[in-house]
Amino acid sequence: MSDHVYKLIELTGSSPDGIQAAIENAVTKANKSLHNMRWFEVIETRGQIDNGAVAHWQVTIKVGFTLD
């Protein structure tokens, strides 16, 4: 097994459909310009309340990817 070196970035995804959808939106968008993404870690979760109900989610994640 070779040694890996990772770079970390922070991304914030959002969605009205929930936490998982917000994460998936962030990863899908990042995949258009990054490659070799290997893992993520949720570091912050926020939500917007509208008329007493959850209206929108924002999730900040750290994403690790291997360097070429």
PDB file of N, CA and C in Angstrom:
ATOM      1  N   MET A   1       0.850  -1.196   0.000  1.00  0.00           N
ATOM      2  CA  MET A   1       0.000   0.000   0.000  1.00  0.00           C
ATOM      3  C   MET A   1       0.876   1.233   0.000  1.00  0.00           C
ATOM      4  N   SER A   2       0.578   2.166  -0.877  1.00  0.00           N
ATOM      5  CA  SER A   2       1.376   3.383  -0.948  1.00  0.00           C
ATOM      6  C   SER A   2       0.909   4.385   0.099  1.00  0.00           C
ATOM      7  N   ASP A   3       1.810   5.282   0.455  1.00  0.00           N
ATOM      8  CA  ASP A   3       1.456   6.353   1.385  1.00  0.00           C
ATOM      9  C   ASP A   3       0.607   7.383   0.659  1.00  0.00           C
ATOM     10  N   HIS A   4      -0.391   7.906   1.348  1.00  0.00           N
ATOM     11  CA  HIS A   4      -1.258   8.911   0.747  1.00  0.00           C
ATOM     12  C   HIS A   4      -1.042  10.254   1.424  1.00  0.00           C
ATOM     13  N   VAL A   5      -1.135  11.300   0.645  1.00  0.00           N
ATOM     14  CA  VAL A   5      -1.127  12.668   1.157  1.00  0.00           C
ATOM     15  C   VAL A   5      -2.446  13.280   0.730  1.00  0.00           C
ATOM     16  N   TYR A   6      -3.134  13.888   1.676  1.00  0.00           N
ATOM     17  CA  TYR A   6      -4.444  14.458   1.404  1.00  0.00           C
ATOM     18  C   TYR A   6      -4.414  15.975   1.529  1.00  0.00           C
ATOM     19  N   LYS A   7      -5.219  16.625   0.728  1.00  0.00           N
ATOM     20  CA  LYS A   7      -5.486  18.048   0.879  1.00  0.00           C
ATOM     21  C   LYS A   7      -6.918  18.155   1.379  1.00  0.00           C
ATOM     22  N   LEU A   8      -7.163  19.096   2.274  1.00  0.00           N
ATOM     23  CA  LEU A   8      -8.505  19.319   2.814  1.00  0.00           C
ATOM     24  C   LEU A   8      -9.055  20.653   2.318  1.00  0.00           C
ATOM     25  N   ILE A   9     -10.337  20.648   1.983  1.00  0.00           N
ATOM     26  CA  ILE A   9     -11.042  21.883   1.681  1.00  0.00           C
ATOM     27  C   ILE A   9     -12.364  21.866   2.440  1.00  0.00           C
ATOM     28  N   GLU A  10     -12.932  23.035   2.649  1.00  0.00           N
ATOM     29  CA  GLU A  10     -14.262  23.139   3.251  1.00  0.00           C
ATOM     30  C   GLU A  10     -15.255  23.549   2.186  1.00  0.00           C
ATOM     31  N   LEU A  11     -16.395  22.899   2.212  1.00  0.00           N
ATOM     32  CA  LEU A  11     -17.493  23.202   1.297  1.00  0.00           C
ATOM     33  C   LEU A  11     -18.771  23.358   2.102  1.00  0.00           C
ATOM     34  N   THR A  12     -19.685  24.185   1.626  1.00  0.00           N
ATOM     35  CA  THR A  12     -21.005  24.284   2.233  1.00  0.00           C
ATOM     36  C   THR A  12     -22.043  24.032   1.150  1.00  0.00           C
ATOM     37  N   GLY A  13     -22.825  22.981   1.353  1.00  0.00           N
ATOM     38  CA  GLY A  13     -23.910  22.657   0.443  1.00  0.00           C
ATOM     39  C   GLY A  13     -25.234  23.036   1.082  1.00  0.00           C
ATOM     40  N   SER A  14     -26.230  23.270   0.255  1.00  0.00           N
ATOM     41  CA  SER A  14     -27.541  23.627   0.794  1.00  0.00           C
ATOM     42  C   SER A  14     -28.638  22.890   0.033  1.00  0.00           C
ATOM     43  N   SER A  15     -29.769  22.721   0.713  1.00  0.00           N
ATOM     44  CA  SER A  15     -30.920  22.068   0.100  1.00  0.00           C
ATOM     45  C   SER A  15     -32.149  22.266   0.976  1.00  0.00           C
ATOM     46  N   PRO A  16     -33.313  22.406   0.368  1.00  0.00           N
ATOM     47  CA  PRO A  16     -34.549  22.422   1.144  1.00  0.00           C
ATOM     48  C   PRO A  16     -35.000  21.009   1.519  1.00  0.00           C
ATOM     49  N   ASP A  17     -34.316  19.991   0.972  1.00  0.00           N
ATOM     50  CA  ASP A  17     -34.758  18.603   1.125  1.00  0.00           C
ATOM     51  C   ASP A  17     -34.078  17.836   2.253  1.00  0.00           C
ATOM     52  N   GLY A  18     -33.113  18.446   2.961  1.00  0.00           N
ATOM     53  CA  GLY A  18     -32.513  17.755   4.089  1.00  0.00           C
ATOM     54  C   GLY A  18     -30.999  17.780   4.087  1.00  0.00           C
ATOM     55  N   ILE A  19     -30.439  17.213   5.154  1.00  0.00           N
ATOM     56  CA  ILE A  19     -28.998  17.215   5.366  1.00  0.00           C
ATOM     57  C   ILE A  19     -28.279  16.411   4.290  1.00  0.00           C
ATOM     58  N   GLN A  20     -28.753  15.203   4.015  1.00  0.00           N
ATOM     59  CA  GLN A  20     -28.088  14.363   3.022  1.00  0.00           C
ATOM     60  C   GLN A  20     -28.068  15.032   1.657  1.00  0.00           C
ATOM     61  N   ALA A  21     -29.166  15.633   1.263  1.00  0.00           N
ATOM     62  CA  ALA A  21     -29.230  16.318  -0.032  1.00  0.00           C
ATOM     63  C   ALA A  21     -28.254  17.492  -0.077  1.00  0.00           C
ATOM     64  N   ALA A  22     -28.106  18.211   1.033  1.00  0.00           N
ATOM     65  CA  ALA A  22     -27.156  19.330   1.080  1.00  0.00           C
ATOM     66  C   ALA A  22     -25.726  18.829   0.903  1.00  0.00           C
ATOM     67  N   ILE A  23     -25.386  17.714   1.563  1.00  0.00           N
ATOM     68  CA  ILE A  23     -24.054  17.121   1.414  1.00  0.00           C
ATOM     69  C   ILE A  23     -23.841  16.677  -0.026  1.00  0.00           C
ATOM     70  N   GLU A  24     -24.814  15.975  -0.573  1.00  0.00           N
ATOM     71  CA  GLU A  24     -24.694  15.477  -1.946  1.00  0.00           C
ATOM     72  C   GLU A  24     -24.554  16.616  -2.948  1.00  0.00           C
ATOM     73  N   ASN A  25     -25.243  17.730  -2.726  1.00  0.00           N
ATOM     74  CA  ASN A  25     -25.108  18.888  -3.613  1.00  0.00           C
ATOM     75  C   ASN A  25     -23.688  19.434  -3.585  1.00  0.00           C
ATOM     76  N   ALA A  26     -23.098  19.522  -2.388  1.00  0.00           N
ATOM     77  CA  ALA A  26     -21.727  20.027  -2.268  1.00  0.00           C
ATOM     78  C   ALA A  26     -20.738  19.100  -2.964  1.00  0.00           C
ATOM     79  N   VAL A  27     -20.862  17.795  -2.731  1.00  0.00           N
ATOM     80  CA  VAL A  27     -19.927  16.830  -3.319  1.00  0.00           C
ATOM     81  C   VAL A  27     -20.093  16.776  -4.841  1.00  0.00           C
ATOM     82  N   THR A  28     -21.324  16.772  -5.320  1.00  0.00           N
ATOM     83  CA  THR A  28     -21.573  16.725  -6.761  1.00  0.00           C
ATOM     84  C   THR A  28     -20.987  17.935  -7.473  1.00  0.00           C
ATOM     85  N   LYS A  29     -21.184  19.110  -6.903  1.00  0.00           N
ATOM     86  CA  LYS A  29     -20.643  20.331  -7.508  1.00  0.00           C
ATOM     87  C   LYS A  29     -19.116  20.317  -7.491  1.00  0.00           C
ATOM     88  N   ALA A  30     -18.511  19.927  -6.362  1.00  0.00           N
ATOM     89  CA  ALA A  30     -17.051  19.885  -6.255  1.00  0.00           C
ATOM     90  C   ALA A  30     -16.459  18.877  -7.230  1.00  0.00           C
ATOM     91  N   ASN A  31     -17.163  17.793  -7.493  1.00  0.00           N
ATOM     92  CA  ASN A  31     -16.667  16.754  -8.393  1.00  0.00           C
ATOM     93  C   ASN A  31     -16.469  17.260  -9.822  1.00  0.00           C
ATOM     94  N   LYS A  32     -17.105  18.372 -10.159  1.00  0.00           N
ATOM     95  CA  LYS A  32     -16.939  18.937 -11.498  1.00  0.00           C
ATOM     96  C   LYS A  32     -15.561  19.556 -11.702  1.00  0.00           C
ATOM     97  N   SER A  33     -14.901  19.953 -10.602  1.00  0.00           N
ATOM     98  CA  SER A  33     -13.581  20.579 -10.746  1.00  0.00           C
ATOM     99  C   SER A  33     -12.481  19.912  -9.929  1.00  0.00           C
ATOM    100  N   LEU A  34     -12.827  19.016  -9.029  1.00  0.00           N
ATOM    101  CA  LEU A  34     -11.831  18.291  -8.234  1.00  0.00           C
ATOM    102  C   LEU A  34     -11.868  16.816  -8.609  1.00  0.00           C
ATOM    103  N   HIS A  35     -10.744  16.154  -8.410  1.00  0.00           N
ATOM    104  CA  HIS A  35     -10.747  14.713  -8.606  1.00  0.00           C
ATOM    105  C   HIS A  35     -10.026  14.055  -7.428  1.00  0.00           C
ATOM    106  N   ASN A  36     -10.176  12.763  -7.317  1.00  0.00           N
ATOM    107  CA  ASN A  36      -9.572  11.976  -6.243  1.00  0.00           C
ATOM    108  C   ASN A  36     -10.152  12.284  -4.863  1.00  0.00           C
ATOM    109  N   MET A  37     -11.413  12.751  -4.802  1.00  0.00           N
ATOM    110  CA  MET A  37     -12.033  12.955  -3.496  1.00  0.00           C
ATOM    111  C   MET A  37     -12.199  11.594  -2.832  1.00  0.00           C
ATOM    112  N   ARG A  38     -11.871  11.508  -1.533  1.00  0.00           N
ATOM    113  CA  ARG A  38     -11.876  10.222  -0.847  1.00  0.00           C
ATOM    114  C   ARG A  38     -12.833  10.148   0.339  1.00  0.00           C
ATOM    115  N   TRP A  39     -13.044  11.254   1.047  1.00  0.00           N
ATOM    116  CA  TRP A  39     -13.880  11.209   2.243  1.00  0.00           C
ATOM    117  C   TRP A  39     -14.381  12.608   2.573  1.00  0.00           C
ATOM    118  N   PHE A  40     -15.371  12.664   3.445  1.00  0.00           N
ATOM    119  CA  PHE A  40     -15.840  13.952   3.969  1.00  0.00           C
ATOM    120  C   PHE A  40     -16.179  13.799   5.435  1.00  0.00           C
ATOM    121  N   GLU A  41     -16.190  14.933   6.111  1.00  0.00           N
ATOM    122  CA  GLU A  41     -16.546  15.002   7.530  1.00  0.00           C
ATOM    123  C   GLU A  41     -17.479  16.192   7.716  1.00  0.00           C
ATOM    124  N   VAL A  42     -18.640  15.956   8.310  1.00  0.00           N
ATOM    125  CA  VAL A  42     -19.575  17.052   8.584  1.00  0.00           C
ATOM    126  C   VAL A  42     -19.039  17.846   9.769  1.00  0.00           C
ATOM    127  N   ILE A  43     -18.878  19.157   9.578  1.00  0.00           N
ATOM    128  CA  ILE A  43     -18.359  19.983  10.669  1.00  0.00           C
ATOM    129  C   ILE A  43     -19.378  21.000  11.192  1.00  0.00           C
ATOM    130  N   GLU A  44     -20.417  21.265  10.414  1.00  0.00           N
ATOM    131  CA  GLU A  44     -21.422  22.218  10.884  1.00  0.00           C
ATOM    132  C   GLU A  44     -22.734  21.998  10.132  1.00  0.00           C
ATOM    133  N   THR A  45     -23.829  22.108  10.850  1.00  0.00           N
ATOM    134  CA  THR A  45     -25.155  21.981  10.251  1.00  0.00           C
ATOM    135  C   THR A  45     -25.996  23.169  10.708  1.00  0.00           C
ATOM    136  N   ARG A  46     -26.640  23.808   9.752  1.00  0.00           N
ATOM    137  CA  ARG A  46     -27.508  24.946  10.046  1.00  0.00           C
ATOM    138  C   ARG A  46     -28.825  24.775   9.300  1.00  0.00           C
ATOM    139  N   GLY A  47     -29.832  25.463   9.770  1.00  0.00           N
ATOM    140  CA  GLY A  47     -31.108  25.429   9.071  1.00  0.00           C
ATOM    141  C   GLY A  47     -31.805  26.766   9.125  1.00  0.00           C
ATOM    142  N   GLN A  48     -32.659  26.987   8.161  1.00  0.00           N
ATOM    143  CA  GLN A  48     -33.482  28.191   8.111  1.00  0.00           C
ATOM    144  C   GLN A  48     -34.894  27.821   8.539  1.00  0.00           C
ATOM    145  N   ILE A  49     -35.464  28.639   9.388  1.00  0.00           N
ATOM    146  CA  ILE A  49     -36.839  28.425   9.855  1.00  0.00           C
ATOM    147  C   ILE A  49     -37.730  29.471   9.205  1.00  0.00           C
ATOM    148  N   ASP A  50     -38.830  29.020   8.643  1.00  0.00           N
ATOM    149  CA  ASP A  50     -39.788  29.923   8.011  1.00  0.00           C
ATOM    150  C   ASP A  50     -41.184  29.542   8.496  1.00  0.00           C
ATOM    151  N   ASN A  51     -41.863  30.479   9.119  1.00  0.00           N
ATOM    152  CA  ASN A  51     -43.212  30.242   9.650  1.00  0.00           C
ATOM    153  C   ASN A  51     -43.267  29.038  10.591  1.00  0.00           C
ATOM    154  N   GLY A  52     -42.246  28.901  11.427  1.00  0.00           N
ATOM    155  CA  GLY A  52     -42.239  27.851  12.429  1.00  0.00           C
ATOM    156  C   GLY A  52     -41.872  26.467  11.934  1.00  0.00           C
ATOM    157  N   ALA A  53     -41.384  26.372  10.689  1.00  0.00           N
ATOM    158  CA  ALA A  53     -41.005  25.075  10.130  1.00  0.00           C
ATOM    159  C   ALA A  53     -39.629  25.170   9.481  1.00  0.00           C
ATOM    160  N   VAL A  54     -38.922  24.044   9.437  1.00  0.00           N
ATOM    161  CA  VAL A  54     -37.616  24.015   8.781  1.00  0.00           C
ATOM    162  C   VAL A  54     -37.832  24.195   7.280  1.00  0.00           C
ATOM    163  N   ALA A  55     -37.163  25.207   6.715  1.00  0.00           N
ATOM    164  CA  ALA A  55     -37.350  25.524   5.301  1.00  0.00           C
ATOM    165  C   ALA A  55     -36.142  25.161   4.452  1.00  0.00           C
ATOM    166  N   HIS A  56     -34.951  25.175   5.042  1.00  0.00           N
ATOM    167  CA  HIS A  56     -33.738  24.975   4.246  1.00  0.00           C
ATOM    168  C   HIS A  56     -32.612  24.502   5.145  1.00  0.00           C
ATOM    169  N   TRP A  57     -31.734  23.674   4.611  1.00  0.00           N
ATOM    170  CA  TRP A  57     -30.569  23.152   5.334  1.00  0.00           C
ATOM    171  C   TRP A  57     -29.286  23.634   4.696  1.00  0.00           C
ATOM    172  N   GLN A  58     -28.275  23.933   5.517  1.00  0.00           N
ATOM    173  CA  GLN A  58     -26.908  24.199   5.068  1.00  0.00           C
ATOM    174  C   GLN A  58     -25.983  23.301   5.867  1.00  0.00           C
ATOM    175  N   VAL A  59     -25.107  22.587   5.163  1.00  0.00           N
ATOM    176  CA  VAL A  59     -24.166  21.681   5.815  1.00  0.00           C
ATOM    177  C   VAL A  59     -22.756  22.012   5.329  1.00  0.00           C
ATOM    178  N   THR A  60     -21.858  22.294   6.268  1.00  0.00           N
ATOM    179  CA  THR A  60     -20.454  22.527   5.938  1.00  0.00           C
ATOM    180  C   THR A  60     -19.694  21.237   6.184  1.00  0.00           C
ATOM    181  N   ILE A  61     -18.901  20.848   5.184  1.00  0.00           N
ATOM    182  CA  ILE A  61     -18.127  19.618   5.269  1.00  0.00           C
ATOM    183  C   ILE A  61     -16.661  19.899   4.944  1.00  0.00           C
ATOM    184  N   LYS A  62     -15.782  19.087   5.512  1.00  0.00           N
ATOM    185  CA  LYS A  62     -14.395  19.039   5.080  1.00  0.00           C
ATOM    186  C   LYS A  62     -14.295  17.862   4.123  1.00  0.00           C
ATOM    187  N   VAL A  63     -13.652  18.073   2.993  1.00  0.00           N
ATOM    188  CA  VAL A  63     -13.462  17.024   2.006  1.00  0.00           C
ATOM    189  C   VAL A  63     -11.970  16.774   1.854  1.00  0.00           C
ATOM    190  N   GLY A  64     -11.593  15.502   1.920  1.00  0.00           N
ATOM    191  CA  GLY A  64     -10.200  15.120   1.710  1.00  0.00           C
ATOM    192  C   GLY A  64     -10.029  14.489   0.356  1.00  0.00           C
ATOM    193  N   PHE A  65      -8.995  14.926  -0.376  1.00  0.00           N
ATOM    194  CA  PHE A  65      -8.698  14.296  -1.654  1.00  0.00           C
ATOM    195  C   PHE A  65      -7.198  14.084  -1.765  1.00  0.00           C
ATOM    196  N   THR A  66      -6.835  13.046  -2.507  1.00  0.00           N
ATOM    197  CA  THR A  66      -5.421  12.732  -2.670  1.00  0.00           C
ATOM    198  C   THR A  66      -4.802  13.622  -3.734  1.00  0.00           C
ATOM    199  N   LEU A  67      -3.556  13.944  -3.519  1.00  0.00           N
ATOM    200  CA  LEU A  67      -2.814  14.757  -4.486  1.00  0.00           C
ATOM    201  C   LEU A  67      -2.188  13.853  -5.539  1.00  0.00           C
ATOM    202  N   ASP A  68      -2.068  14.367  -6.743  1.00  0.00           N
ATOM    203  CA  ASP A  68      -1.417  13.607  -7.822  1.00  0.00           C
ATOM    204  C   ASP A  68       0.063  13.434  -7.538  1.00  0.00           C
TER     205      ASP A  68
END
